[in-house]
N, C-alpha and C. Protein backbone atom coordinates (compact mmCIF):
# COMPACT_ATOMS: atom_id res chain seq x y z
N MET A 1 -133.01 75.13 143.91
CA MET A 1 -132.21 74.14 143.19
C MET A 1 -131.98 72.91 144.05
N LYS A 2 -131.69 73.14 145.35
CA LYS A 2 -131.43 72.03 146.25
C LYS A 2 -132.67 71.13 146.39
N ILE A 3 -133.85 71.71 146.50
CA ILE A 3 -135.09 70.94 146.61
C ILE A 3 -135.33 70.15 145.33
N PHE A 4 -135.11 70.76 144.17
CA PHE A 4 -135.27 70.07 142.89
C PHE A 4 -134.35 68.86 142.83
N PHE A 5 -133.11 69.02 143.24
CA PHE A 5 -132.12 67.94 143.22
C PHE A 5 -132.54 66.82 144.18
N GLN A 6 -133.01 67.18 145.38
CA GLN A 6 -133.43 66.18 146.37
C GLN A 6 -134.64 65.40 145.87
N LYS A 7 -135.60 66.07 145.22
CA LYS A 7 -136.78 65.38 144.68
C LYS A 7 -136.37 64.41 143.59
N ASN A 8 -135.48 64.85 142.70
CA ASN A 8 -135.05 63.98 141.60
C ASN A 8 -134.26 62.77 142.12
N ILE A 9 -133.44 62.98 143.12
CA ILE A 9 -132.70 61.86 143.72
C ILE A 9 -133.68 60.88 144.34
N GLY A 10 -134.68 61.39 145.04
CA GLY A 10 -135.69 60.53 145.67
C GLY A 10 -136.43 59.70 144.62
N ILE A 11 -136.84 60.34 143.54
CA ILE A 11 -137.53 59.62 142.46
C ILE A 11 -136.60 58.59 141.83
N PHE A 12 -135.36 58.96 141.62
CA PHE A 12 -134.38 58.05 141.05
C PHE A 12 -134.21 56.82 141.94
N LEU A 13 -134.08 57.02 143.24
CA LEU A 13 -133.89 55.90 144.18
C LEU A 13 -135.12 55.00 144.22
N ILE A 14 -136.31 55.58 144.16
CA ILE A 14 -137.54 54.79 144.13
C ILE A 14 -137.59 53.94 142.86
N LEU A 15 -137.26 54.55 141.72
CA LEU A 15 -137.25 53.79 140.46
C LEU A 15 -136.19 52.69 140.48
N LEU A 16 -135.03 53.00 140.99
CA LEU A 16 -133.97 52.00 141.08
C LEU A 16 -134.39 50.84 141.98
N GLY A 17 -135.00 51.15 143.10
CA GLY A 17 -135.49 50.10 144.01
C GLY A 17 -136.54 49.23 143.33
N GLY A 18 -137.44 49.85 142.57
CA GLY A 18 -138.45 49.10 141.83
C GLY A 18 -137.84 48.17 140.80
N LEU A 19 -136.83 48.67 140.10
CA LEU A 19 -136.15 47.83 139.11
C LEU A 19 -135.45 46.64 139.78
N LEU A 20 -134.83 46.88 140.91
CA LEU A 20 -134.17 45.79 141.63
C LEU A 20 -135.18 44.76 142.10
N LEU A 21 -136.32 45.21 142.62
CA LEU A 21 -137.37 44.28 143.04
C LEU A 21 -137.88 43.46 141.86
N ALA A 22 -138.08 44.11 140.73
CA ALA A 22 -138.55 43.40 139.53
C ALA A 22 -137.53 42.36 139.08
N PHE A 23 -136.26 42.73 139.13
CA PHE A 23 -135.20 41.79 138.75
C PHE A 23 -135.22 40.56 139.65
N VAL A 24 -135.30 40.77 140.94
CA VAL A 24 -135.30 39.67 141.90
C VAL A 24 -136.55 38.81 141.70
N ALA A 25 -137.69 39.43 141.46
CA ALA A 25 -138.93 38.68 141.31
C ALA A 25 -138.96 37.83 140.05
N PHE A 26 -138.33 38.29 138.97
CA PHE A 26 -138.45 37.60 137.69
C PHE A 26 -137.22 36.83 137.27
N ARG A 27 -136.14 36.90 138.05
CA ARG A 27 -134.96 36.15 137.66
C ARG A 27 -135.18 34.67 137.94
N SER A 28 -134.39 33.82 137.30
CA SER A 28 -134.50 32.39 137.52
C SER A 28 -134.07 32.05 138.93
N GLN A 29 -134.80 31.16 139.55
CA GLN A 29 -134.45 30.67 140.87
C GLN A 29 -133.39 29.60 140.73
N PRO A 30 -132.57 29.37 141.76
CA PRO A 30 -131.58 28.30 141.70
C PRO A 30 -132.24 26.98 141.33
N GLY A 31 -131.60 26.26 140.43
CA GLY A 31 -132.14 24.98 139.97
C GLY A 31 -133.02 25.12 138.76
N GLU A 32 -133.33 26.35 138.36
CA GLU A 32 -134.11 26.56 137.16
C GLU A 32 -133.19 27.01 136.04
N LEU A 33 -133.68 26.96 134.83
CA LEU A 33 -132.86 27.31 133.68
C LEU A 33 -132.73 28.81 133.52
N LEU A 34 -131.54 29.23 133.13
CA LEU A 34 -131.32 30.64 132.83
C LEU A 34 -131.72 30.94 131.39
N ARG A 35 -131.64 29.95 130.56
CA ARG A 35 -132.02 30.10 129.15
C ARG A 35 -132.88 28.91 128.77
N SER A 36 -133.78 29.10 127.83
CA SER A 36 -134.59 27.97 127.40
C SER A 36 -134.01 27.41 126.10
N GLY A 37 -134.34 26.18 125.81
CA GLY A 37 -133.93 25.57 124.56
C GLY A 37 -132.56 24.91 124.58
N ASN A 38 -131.86 24.92 125.71
CA ASN A 38 -130.56 24.27 125.80
C ASN A 38 -130.77 22.84 126.25
N GLU A 39 -130.73 21.91 125.32
CA GLU A 39 -130.94 20.51 125.65
C GLU A 39 -129.77 19.66 125.17
N ILE A 40 -129.34 18.76 126.05
CA ILE A 40 -128.27 17.82 125.75
C ILE A 40 -128.87 16.43 125.80
N SER A 41 -128.57 15.59 124.82
CA SER A 41 -129.09 14.22 124.80
C SER A 41 -127.95 13.22 124.67
N ILE A 42 -128.08 12.13 125.45
CA ILE A 42 -127.11 11.03 125.40
C ILE A 42 -127.90 9.74 125.59
N GLY A 43 -127.75 8.82 124.65
CA GLY A 43 -128.37 7.51 124.80
C GLY A 43 -129.85 7.54 125.08
N GLY A 44 -130.59 8.42 124.44
CA GLY A 44 -132.03 8.49 124.62
C GLY A 44 -132.48 9.29 125.84
N LYS A 45 -131.55 9.81 126.61
CA LYS A 45 -131.90 10.66 127.76
C LYS A 45 -131.59 12.10 127.40
N THR A 46 -132.47 13.00 127.85
CA THR A 46 -132.31 14.42 127.53
C THR A 46 -132.38 15.25 128.80
N TRP A 47 -131.49 16.24 128.89
CA TRP A 47 -131.47 17.17 130.01
C TRP A 47 -131.54 18.59 129.48
N LYS A 48 -132.30 19.44 130.18
CA LYS A 48 -132.26 20.88 129.93
C LYS A 48 -131.09 21.40 130.74
N VAL A 49 -130.23 22.17 130.11
CA VAL A 49 -129.01 22.58 130.79
C VAL A 49 -128.82 24.09 130.83
N GLU A 50 -128.18 24.51 131.91
CA GLU A 50 -127.62 25.85 132.02
C GLU A 50 -126.18 25.74 131.57
N TYR A 51 -125.67 26.79 130.96
CA TYR A 51 -124.26 26.82 130.59
C TYR A 51 -123.46 27.55 131.66
N ALA A 52 -122.30 27.02 131.98
CA ALA A 52 -121.33 27.71 132.84
C ALA A 52 -120.13 27.98 131.94
N ARG A 53 -120.06 29.19 131.39
CA ARG A 53 -119.03 29.52 130.40
C ARG A 53 -117.89 30.37 130.96
N THR A 54 -118.19 31.21 131.93
CA THR A 54 -117.14 32.08 132.47
C THR A 54 -116.46 31.40 133.65
N ALA A 55 -115.28 31.89 134.00
CA ALA A 55 -114.56 31.33 135.14
C ALA A 55 -115.40 31.41 136.41
N GLU A 56 -116.12 32.51 136.59
CA GLU A 56 -116.95 32.69 137.78
C GLU A 56 -118.10 31.69 137.79
N GLU A 57 -118.77 31.51 136.65
CA GLU A 57 -119.87 30.55 136.57
C GLU A 57 -119.37 29.13 136.80
N ARG A 58 -118.22 28.81 136.23
CA ARG A 58 -117.67 27.45 136.42
C ARG A 58 -117.25 27.23 137.86
N GLU A 59 -116.70 28.25 138.51
CA GLU A 59 -116.27 28.09 139.91
C GLU A 59 -117.46 27.84 140.83
N LEU A 60 -118.55 28.55 140.65
CA LEU A 60 -119.73 28.37 141.48
C LEU A 60 -120.48 27.10 141.11
N GLY A 61 -120.62 26.86 139.81
CA GLY A 61 -121.33 25.67 139.35
C GLY A 61 -122.71 25.56 139.98
N LEU A 62 -123.02 24.37 140.47
CA LEU A 62 -124.30 24.12 141.13
C LEU A 62 -124.19 24.26 142.65
N GLY A 63 -123.05 24.72 143.12
CA GLY A 63 -122.82 24.83 144.55
C GLY A 63 -123.82 25.73 145.25
N TYR A 64 -124.18 25.35 146.45
CA TYR A 64 -125.04 26.09 147.35
C TYR A 64 -126.50 26.14 146.91
N ARG A 65 -126.87 25.37 145.91
CA ARG A 65 -128.28 25.26 145.55
C ARG A 65 -128.91 24.16 146.39
N GLU A 66 -130.19 24.29 146.60
CA GLU A 66 -130.90 23.28 147.39
C GLU A 66 -131.21 22.03 146.58
N ARG A 67 -131.39 22.20 145.28
CA ARG A 67 -131.79 21.07 144.44
C ARG A 67 -131.53 21.40 142.98
N LEU A 68 -131.70 20.39 142.17
CA LEU A 68 -131.64 20.53 140.71
C LEU A 68 -132.88 19.83 140.18
N CYS A 69 -133.65 20.48 139.33
CA CYS A 69 -134.88 19.85 138.84
C CYS A 69 -134.55 18.56 138.08
N GLY A 70 -135.50 17.66 138.03
CA GLY A 70 -135.31 16.40 137.30
C GLY A 70 -135.07 16.67 135.83
N GLN A 71 -134.19 15.92 135.23
CA GLN A 71 -133.80 16.07 133.83
C GLN A 71 -133.24 17.46 133.52
N CYS A 72 -132.58 18.05 134.52
CA CYS A 72 -131.88 19.32 134.34
C CYS A 72 -130.41 19.10 134.67
N GLY A 73 -129.57 19.99 134.17
CA GLY A 73 -128.15 19.86 134.46
C GLY A 73 -127.42 21.16 134.20
N MET A 74 -126.11 21.10 134.42
CA MET A 74 -125.26 22.24 134.11
C MET A 74 -124.13 21.75 133.22
N LEU A 75 -123.93 22.45 132.11
CA LEU A 75 -122.85 22.13 131.18
C LEU A 75 -121.73 23.15 131.36
N PHE A 76 -120.59 22.66 131.80
CA PHE A 76 -119.40 23.50 131.96
C PHE A 76 -118.67 23.53 130.63
N VAL A 77 -118.49 24.73 130.10
CA VAL A 77 -117.87 24.92 128.79
C VAL A 77 -116.51 25.60 129.00
N PHE A 78 -115.45 24.92 128.61
CA PHE A 78 -114.10 25.45 128.79
C PHE A 78 -113.56 25.96 127.46
N PRO A 79 -112.75 27.02 127.49
CA PRO A 79 -112.25 27.62 126.26
C PRO A 79 -111.24 26.75 125.51
N MET A 80 -110.61 25.84 126.22
CA MET A 80 -109.65 24.94 125.57
C MET A 80 -109.64 23.61 126.32
N ALA A 81 -109.26 22.55 125.61
CA ALA A 81 -109.22 21.23 126.22
C ALA A 81 -108.20 21.20 127.35
N GLY A 82 -108.57 20.56 128.44
CA GLY A 82 -107.68 20.43 129.59
C GLY A 82 -108.21 19.38 130.54
N GLU A 83 -107.41 19.02 131.51
CA GLU A 83 -107.81 18.05 132.53
C GLU A 83 -108.29 18.84 133.75
N TYR A 84 -109.56 19.22 133.72
CA TYR A 84 -110.16 20.06 134.74
C TYR A 84 -110.71 19.19 135.88
N GLY A 85 -110.31 19.52 137.10
CA GLY A 85 -110.77 18.77 138.26
C GLY A 85 -112.07 19.34 138.82
N PHE A 86 -112.91 18.45 139.34
CA PHE A 86 -114.19 18.85 139.94
C PHE A 86 -114.27 18.28 141.34
N TRP A 87 -114.91 19.03 142.25
CA TRP A 87 -115.17 18.55 143.59
C TRP A 87 -116.55 19.00 144.02
N MET A 88 -117.00 18.53 145.16
CA MET A 88 -118.38 18.75 145.57
C MET A 88 -118.52 19.72 146.74
N LYS A 89 -117.50 20.52 146.99
CA LYS A 89 -117.60 21.50 148.08
C LYS A 89 -118.78 22.44 147.83
N GLY A 90 -119.60 22.62 148.86
CA GLY A 90 -120.77 23.50 148.73
C GLY A 90 -121.98 22.83 148.11
N MET A 91 -121.86 21.57 147.73
CA MET A 91 -123.00 20.86 147.13
C MET A 91 -123.90 20.30 148.22
N ARG A 92 -125.19 20.32 147.94
CA ARG A 92 -126.17 19.84 148.91
C ARG A 92 -126.91 18.60 148.45
N PHE A 93 -126.54 18.09 147.28
CA PHE A 93 -127.19 16.88 146.75
C PHE A 93 -126.18 16.14 145.88
N PRO A 94 -126.32 14.83 145.73
CA PRO A 94 -125.36 14.05 144.93
C PRO A 94 -125.56 14.27 143.43
N LEU A 95 -124.48 14.08 142.69
CA LEU A 95 -124.49 14.30 141.24
C LEU A 95 -123.84 13.13 140.50
N ASP A 96 -124.16 13.04 139.22
CA ASP A 96 -123.38 12.27 138.25
C ASP A 96 -122.66 13.30 137.40
N ILE A 97 -121.39 13.05 137.10
CA ILE A 97 -120.58 13.99 136.32
C ILE A 97 -120.06 13.28 135.09
N LEU A 98 -120.34 13.86 133.91
CA LEU A 98 -119.89 13.30 132.64
C LEU A 98 -118.85 14.21 132.02
N PHE A 99 -117.68 13.66 131.73
CA PHE A 99 -116.63 14.40 131.04
C PHE A 99 -116.79 14.11 129.54
N ILE A 100 -116.83 15.17 128.74
CA ILE A 100 -117.17 15.04 127.31
C ILE A 100 -116.08 15.67 126.46
N GLU A 101 -115.69 14.96 125.40
CA GLU A 101 -114.74 15.51 124.43
C GLU A 101 -115.07 14.95 123.05
N ASP A 102 -114.90 15.79 122.04
CA ASP A 102 -115.19 15.41 120.65
C ASP A 102 -116.59 14.83 120.49
N GLY A 103 -117.55 15.39 121.24
CA GLY A 103 -118.95 14.98 121.09
C GLY A 103 -119.27 13.61 121.65
N ARG A 104 -118.39 13.06 122.50
CA ARG A 104 -118.61 11.74 123.08
C ARG A 104 -118.30 11.74 124.57
N VAL A 105 -118.94 10.80 125.28
CA VAL A 105 -118.70 10.65 126.71
C VAL A 105 -117.33 10.01 126.90
N LEU A 106 -116.44 10.72 127.57
CA LEU A 106 -115.08 10.23 127.81
C LEU A 106 -114.99 9.49 129.14
N SER A 107 -115.75 9.97 130.14
CA SER A 107 -115.69 9.40 131.48
C SER A 107 -116.95 9.78 132.25
N ILE A 108 -117.34 8.93 133.22
CA ILE A 108 -118.51 9.22 134.06
C ILE A 108 -118.14 8.95 135.51
N GLU A 109 -118.46 9.91 136.37
CA GLU A 109 -118.36 9.72 137.82
C GLU A 109 -119.79 9.67 138.33
N ARG A 110 -120.18 8.54 138.90
CA ARG A 110 -121.57 8.35 139.31
C ARG A 110 -121.74 8.50 140.82
N ARG A 111 -122.90 9.08 141.18
CA ARG A 111 -123.32 9.21 142.57
C ARG A 111 -122.23 9.81 143.47
N VAL A 112 -121.72 10.95 143.02
CA VAL A 112 -120.70 11.66 143.78
C VAL A 112 -121.39 12.33 144.97
N THR A 113 -120.86 12.10 146.16
CA THR A 113 -121.53 12.57 147.37
C THR A 113 -121.30 14.06 147.63
N PRO A 114 -122.32 14.72 148.19
CA PRO A 114 -122.20 16.15 148.51
C PRO A 114 -121.08 16.40 149.51
N GLU A 115 -120.51 17.57 149.41
CA GLU A 115 -119.46 18.07 150.31
C GLU A 115 -118.16 17.27 150.25
N SER A 116 -118.04 16.33 149.32
CA SER A 116 -116.79 15.59 149.18
C SER A 116 -115.71 16.54 148.65
N GLU A 117 -114.53 16.45 149.22
CA GLU A 117 -113.43 17.28 148.76
C GLU A 117 -112.48 16.49 147.87
N GLN A 118 -112.88 15.27 147.51
CA GLN A 118 -112.10 14.48 146.55
C GLN A 118 -112.16 15.19 145.20
N ILE A 119 -111.02 15.36 144.56
CA ILE A 119 -110.99 16.00 143.25
C ILE A 119 -111.15 14.93 142.18
N LEU A 120 -112.17 15.09 141.35
CA LEU A 120 -112.47 14.14 140.28
C LEU A 120 -111.87 14.66 138.99
N MET A 121 -111.05 13.83 138.36
CA MET A 121 -110.34 14.23 137.14
C MET A 121 -110.78 13.36 135.96
N PRO A 122 -110.85 13.93 134.78
CA PRO A 122 -111.11 13.11 133.60
C PRO A 122 -109.85 12.34 133.23
N PRO A 123 -109.98 11.27 132.45
CA PRO A 123 -108.81 10.49 132.05
C PRO A 123 -107.96 11.18 130.98
N GLY A 124 -108.46 12.27 130.44
CA GLY A 124 -107.74 13.02 129.42
C GLY A 124 -108.35 14.40 129.27
N PRO A 125 -107.80 15.22 128.37
CA PRO A 125 -108.32 16.58 128.18
C PRO A 125 -109.78 16.59 127.70
N VAL A 126 -110.56 17.52 128.25
CA VAL A 126 -111.96 17.71 127.85
C VAL A 126 -112.24 19.20 127.69
N THR A 127 -113.29 19.51 126.94
CA THR A 127 -113.76 20.89 126.82
C THR A 127 -115.12 21.07 127.46
N LEU A 128 -115.80 19.95 127.77
CA LEU A 128 -117.15 20.01 128.32
C LEU A 128 -117.32 19.03 129.47
N VAL A 129 -118.07 19.47 130.49
CA VAL A 129 -118.41 18.60 131.61
C VAL A 129 -119.88 18.83 131.93
N LEU A 130 -120.64 17.75 132.05
CA LEU A 130 -122.07 17.83 132.34
C LEU A 130 -122.34 17.28 133.72
N GLU A 131 -123.00 18.07 134.56
CA GLU A 131 -123.43 17.61 135.88
C GLU A 131 -124.94 17.46 135.88
N VAL A 132 -125.41 16.29 136.35
CA VAL A 132 -126.85 16.00 136.44
C VAL A 132 -127.11 15.33 137.78
N ASN A 133 -128.38 15.19 138.13
CA ASN A 133 -128.73 14.52 139.38
C ASN A 133 -128.20 13.09 139.40
N ALA A 134 -127.78 12.64 140.58
CA ALA A 134 -127.26 11.29 140.74
C ALA A 134 -128.28 10.26 140.28
N GLY A 135 -127.81 9.26 139.56
CA GLY A 135 -128.66 8.19 139.08
C GLY A 135 -129.22 8.40 137.69
N GLU A 136 -129.15 9.64 137.17
CA GLU A 136 -129.74 9.92 135.87
C GLU A 136 -128.88 9.44 134.70
N THR A 137 -127.67 8.97 134.96
CA THR A 137 -126.82 8.50 133.86
C THR A 137 -126.82 6.98 133.73
N GLU A 138 -127.69 6.31 134.50
CA GLU A 138 -127.78 4.85 134.37
C GLU A 138 -128.10 4.51 132.91
N GLY A 139 -127.40 3.54 132.36
CA GLY A 139 -127.60 3.14 130.97
C GLY A 139 -126.72 3.89 129.99
N ILE A 140 -126.01 4.89 130.45
CA ILE A 140 -125.09 5.64 129.58
C ILE A 140 -123.70 5.03 129.76
N SER A 141 -123.02 4.83 128.64
CA SER A 141 -121.69 4.23 128.72
C SER A 141 -120.67 5.10 127.99
N LEU A 142 -119.41 4.80 128.25
CA LEU A 142 -118.32 5.55 127.64
C LEU A 142 -118.38 5.44 126.12
N GLY A 143 -118.04 6.54 125.47
CA GLY A 143 -118.02 6.57 124.01
C GLY A 143 -119.33 6.94 123.35
N MET A 144 -120.41 6.98 124.12
CA MET A 144 -121.71 7.34 123.54
C MET A 144 -121.66 8.76 123.00
N PRO A 145 -122.32 8.99 121.85
CA PRO A 145 -122.37 10.34 121.30
C PRO A 145 -123.28 11.26 122.12
N VAL A 146 -122.92 12.55 122.13
CA VAL A 146 -123.68 13.56 122.86
C VAL A 146 -124.22 14.54 121.83
N SER A 147 -125.54 14.75 121.82
CA SER A 147 -126.11 15.71 120.87
C SER A 147 -126.62 16.94 121.60
N GLY A 148 -126.74 18.03 120.85
CA GLY A 148 -127.22 19.29 121.41
C GLY A 148 -126.14 20.15 122.02
N LEU A 149 -124.88 19.78 121.80
CA LEU A 149 -123.78 20.56 122.36
C LEU A 149 -123.69 21.92 121.69
N PRO A 150 -123.16 22.91 122.40
CA PRO A 150 -123.00 24.22 121.77
C PRO A 150 -122.08 24.10 120.57
N ARG A 151 -122.31 24.92 119.57
CA ARG A 151 -121.47 24.90 118.37
C ARG A 151 -120.02 25.06 118.75
N SER A 152 -119.17 24.28 118.17
CA SER A 152 -117.73 24.24 118.38
C SER A 152 -117.38 23.76 119.77
N GLY A 153 -118.38 23.50 120.64
CA GLY A 153 -118.12 22.98 121.98
C GLY A 153 -117.46 23.98 122.90
N ARG A 154 -117.37 25.25 122.50
CA ARG A 154 -116.69 26.24 123.31
C ARG A 154 -117.50 27.50 123.44
């Protein structure tokens, strides 16, 4: 019985290790999309976005990544409107940050420097915040409509 149990445990551990290796090999790399088909457009510019919906995803954000692909971004989705502060701790590249409410750009912070501990606040409550590579929001102005947002924005 003991030998049977040891053999089965060994096989189980080998299978588990294989599954973990497969997961690591096929998961999205930092800076790549976790889901396909998530596109946000503003003023003729379009970004493929990852969603940060949970508190953990929003807390980590794009922090500690080496880069963000061109025309890619992260959309922070909050469960209720609020004045959520953002900072660049753990960031390795500059960003543009767009605060969005009611399907329109409420505020833009451009070329925010990496590792800055300045807290960036929207001028009013928002449910969505979009982070993209610095410089990609040139030509976008306040009040512009945002298309491709998740249904209900939450």
